[in-house]
């Protein structure tokens, strides 16, 4: 098996595999990649040409869909929403000097609402949350 930049030729399995960037360049007439694919097709007409897509995501994204707007929507459901939204705005403002502003806000949100993904029990008055003291919170990076 011969391996090159952007493609590999497997003579044992009679396949020519190229990545998506090589395939995009090969679709342009006159490029070096185009000439390589043309010569492979000419010299080995029975060879199967395979185009592989880019890297696949292997780990889940724990914050997928957790945007500032979704955070605000969650906060608005609480009885003390005004106080919590005021705190949220302060955290967003404080995050601007952080290396990763989104992570800063997200860490605060998860510390403030540890059960945000669960359905609240409305019979127990769970829709009031005491705002965290920002100075004492060690979870915020």
Protein backbone atom coordinates (compact mmCIF):
# COMPACT_ATOMS: atom_id res chain seq x y z
CA UNK A 1 0.00 0.00 0.00
CA UNK A 2 1.43 3.35 -1.04
CA UNK A 3 0.43 6.45 0.93
CA UNK A 4 0.82 10.02 -0.30
CA UNK A 5 -0.43 13.44 0.72
CA UNK A 6 -4.21 13.50 0.25
CA UNK A 7 -4.58 10.09 -1.36
CA UNK A 8 -3.52 6.49 -1.08
CA UNK A 9 -3.32 3.68 -3.58
CA UNK A 10 -4.11 0.17 -2.42
CA UNK A 11 -3.11 -2.24 -5.17
CA UNK A 12 -4.14 -5.29 -3.13
CA UNK A 13 -7.76 -4.09 -2.97
CA UNK A 14 -7.57 -2.20 -6.28
CA UNK A 15 -8.70 1.11 -4.72
CA UNK A 16 -7.63 4.73 -5.00
CA UNK A 17 -8.77 6.66 -1.91
CA UNK A 18 -8.55 10.45 -1.72
CA UNK A 19 -9.60 12.91 0.95
CA UNK A 20 -12.13 15.66 0.29
CA UNK A 21 -9.55 18.44 -0.19
CA UNK A 22 -7.61 16.37 -2.71
CA UNK A 23 -10.88 15.55 -4.51
CA UNK A 24 -11.80 19.26 -4.65
CA UNK A 25 -8.41 20.09 -6.15
CA UNK A 26 -8.70 17.14 -8.56
CA UNK A 27 -11.94 18.56 -9.92
CA UNK A 28 -10.01 21.60 -11.23
CA UNK A 29 -8.65 21.03 -14.74
CA UNK A 30 -4.88 21.25 -15.03
CA UNK A 31 -3.98 20.90 -11.35
CA UNK A 32 -1.42 18.35 -10.18
CA UNK A 33 -4.21 16.45 -8.40
CA UNK A 34 -6.27 16.37 -11.60
CA UNK A 35 -3.28 14.92 -13.48
CA UNK A 36 -2.75 12.24 -10.81
CA UNK A 37 -6.40 11.12 -10.92
CA UNK A 38 -6.39 11.19 -14.75
CA UNK A 39 -3.28 9.03 -14.93
CA UNK A 40 -4.73 6.56 -12.40
CA UNK A 41 -7.92 6.29 -14.45
CA UNK A 42 -5.92 5.87 -17.66
CA UNK A 43 -3.39 3.34 -16.31
CA UNK A 44 -5.81 1.40 -14.07
CA UNK A 45 -9.31 1.65 -15.56
CA UNK A 46 -10.67 -1.07 -13.23
CA UNK A 47 -9.46 0.69 -10.06
CA UNK A 48 -12.22 1.91 -7.75
CA UNK A 49 -11.96 5.58 -6.79
CA UNK A 50 -13.18 6.44 -3.30
CA UNK A 51 -13.61 9.94 -1.85
CA UNK A 52 -13.41 10.13 1.96
CA UNK A 53 -15.12 12.93 3.84
CA UNK A 54 -13.44 15.03 6.50
CA UNK A 55 -12.71 14.10 10.08
CA UNK A 56 -15.71 12.83 12.00
CA UNK A 57 -16.64 14.13 15.44
CA UNK A 58 -15.70 11.39 17.91
CA UNK A 59 -16.77 12.97 21.17
CA UNK A 60 -20.06 14.57 22.05
CA UNK A 61 -20.33 18.31 22.46
CA UNK A 62 -21.71 18.86 25.96
CA UNK A 63 -22.72 22.49 25.31
CA UNK A 64 -24.37 21.93 21.94
CA UNK A 65 -27.36 24.23 21.62
CA UNK A 66 -26.63 26.07 24.87
CA UNK A 67 -26.53 29.59 23.45
CA UNK A 68 -26.90 32.84 25.36
CA UNK A 69 -30.47 33.09 24.04
CA UNK A 70 -31.30 29.62 25.35
CA UNK A 71 -29.76 30.51 28.70
CA UNK A 72 -31.90 33.66 28.86
CA UNK A 73 -35.02 31.69 27.94
CA UNK A 74 -34.31 29.26 30.77
CA UNK A 75 -33.73 32.09 33.23
CA UNK A 76 -36.99 33.85 32.23
CA UNK A 77 -38.97 30.84 33.46
CA UNK A 78 -37.99 31.53 37.08
CA UNK A 79 -40.05 33.68 39.42
CA UNK A 80 -37.03 35.85 40.24
CA UNK A 81 -36.07 36.15 36.55
CA UNK A 82 -35.32 39.89 36.73
CA UNK A 83 -32.69 39.39 39.42
CA UNK A 84 -31.21 36.38 37.58
CA UNK A 85 -31.14 38.17 34.21
CA UNK A 86 -29.38 41.10 35.83
CA UNK A 87 -26.78 38.66 37.19
CA UNK A 88 -26.53 37.00 33.76
CA UNK A 89 -25.81 40.37 32.14
CA UNK A 90 -23.09 41.04 34.72
CA UNK A 91 -21.51 37.66 34.04
CA UNK A 92 -21.57 38.28 30.29
CA UNK A 93 -19.90 41.65 30.83
CA UNK A 94 -17.29 40.15 33.16
CA UNK A 95 -16.59 37.37 30.68
CA UNK A 96 -15.37 39.79 28.03
CA UNK A 97 -11.99 40.06 29.75
CA UNK A 98 -11.72 36.28 29.98
CA UNK A 99 -9.66 34.13 27.65
CA UNK A 100 -12.81 32.22 26.68
CA UNK A 101 -15.92 34.37 27.28
CA UNK A 102 -18.44 31.69 26.30
CA UNK A 103 -16.85 29.13 28.63
CA UNK A 104 -16.90 31.66 31.46
CA UNK A 105 -20.63 32.32 31.01
CA UNK A 106 -21.40 28.63 30.48
CA UNK A 107 -19.54 27.65 33.65
CA UNK A 108 -21.49 30.25 35.61
CA UNK A 109 -24.79 29.07 34.09
CA UNK A 110 -24.09 25.43 34.94
CA UNK A 111 -23.07 26.37 38.50
CA UNK A 112 -26.14 28.58 38.91
CA UNK A 113 -28.54 26.04 37.38
CA UNK A 114 -27.04 22.58 37.94
CA UNK A 115 -30.33 20.89 37.01
CA UNK A 116 -31.10 23.07 33.98
CA UNK A 117 -31.57 20.05 31.69
CA UNK A 118 -34.10 18.38 34.00
CA UNK A 119 -37.81 19.11 34.11
CA UNK A 120 -38.59 21.08 37.29
CA UNK A 121 -41.28 19.96 39.71
CA UNK A 122 -43.72 22.87 39.67
CA UNK A 123 -45.50 21.73 42.85
CA UNK A 124 -42.47 22.39 45.06
CA UNK A 125 -41.85 26.01 44.07
CA UNK A 126 -38.55 25.14 42.40
CA UNK A 127 -38.77 28.16 40.15
CA UNK A 128 -36.88 30.42 42.52
CA UNK A 129 -33.10 30.29 42.52
CA UNK A 130 -30.81 32.28 44.78
CA UNK A 131 -28.14 33.96 42.62
CA UNK A 132 -24.59 32.81 43.24
CA UNK A 133 -22.07 35.22 44.68
CA UNK A 134 -19.61 35.78 41.83
CA UNK A 135 -16.66 36.47 44.10
CA UNK A 136 -17.08 33.18 46.00
CA UNK A 137 -17.66 30.96 43.00
CA UNK A 138 -14.65 28.75 42.31
CA UNK A 139 -16.27 26.97 39.34
CA UNK A 140 -16.03 29.98 37.07
CA UNK A 141 -12.77 30.04 35.14
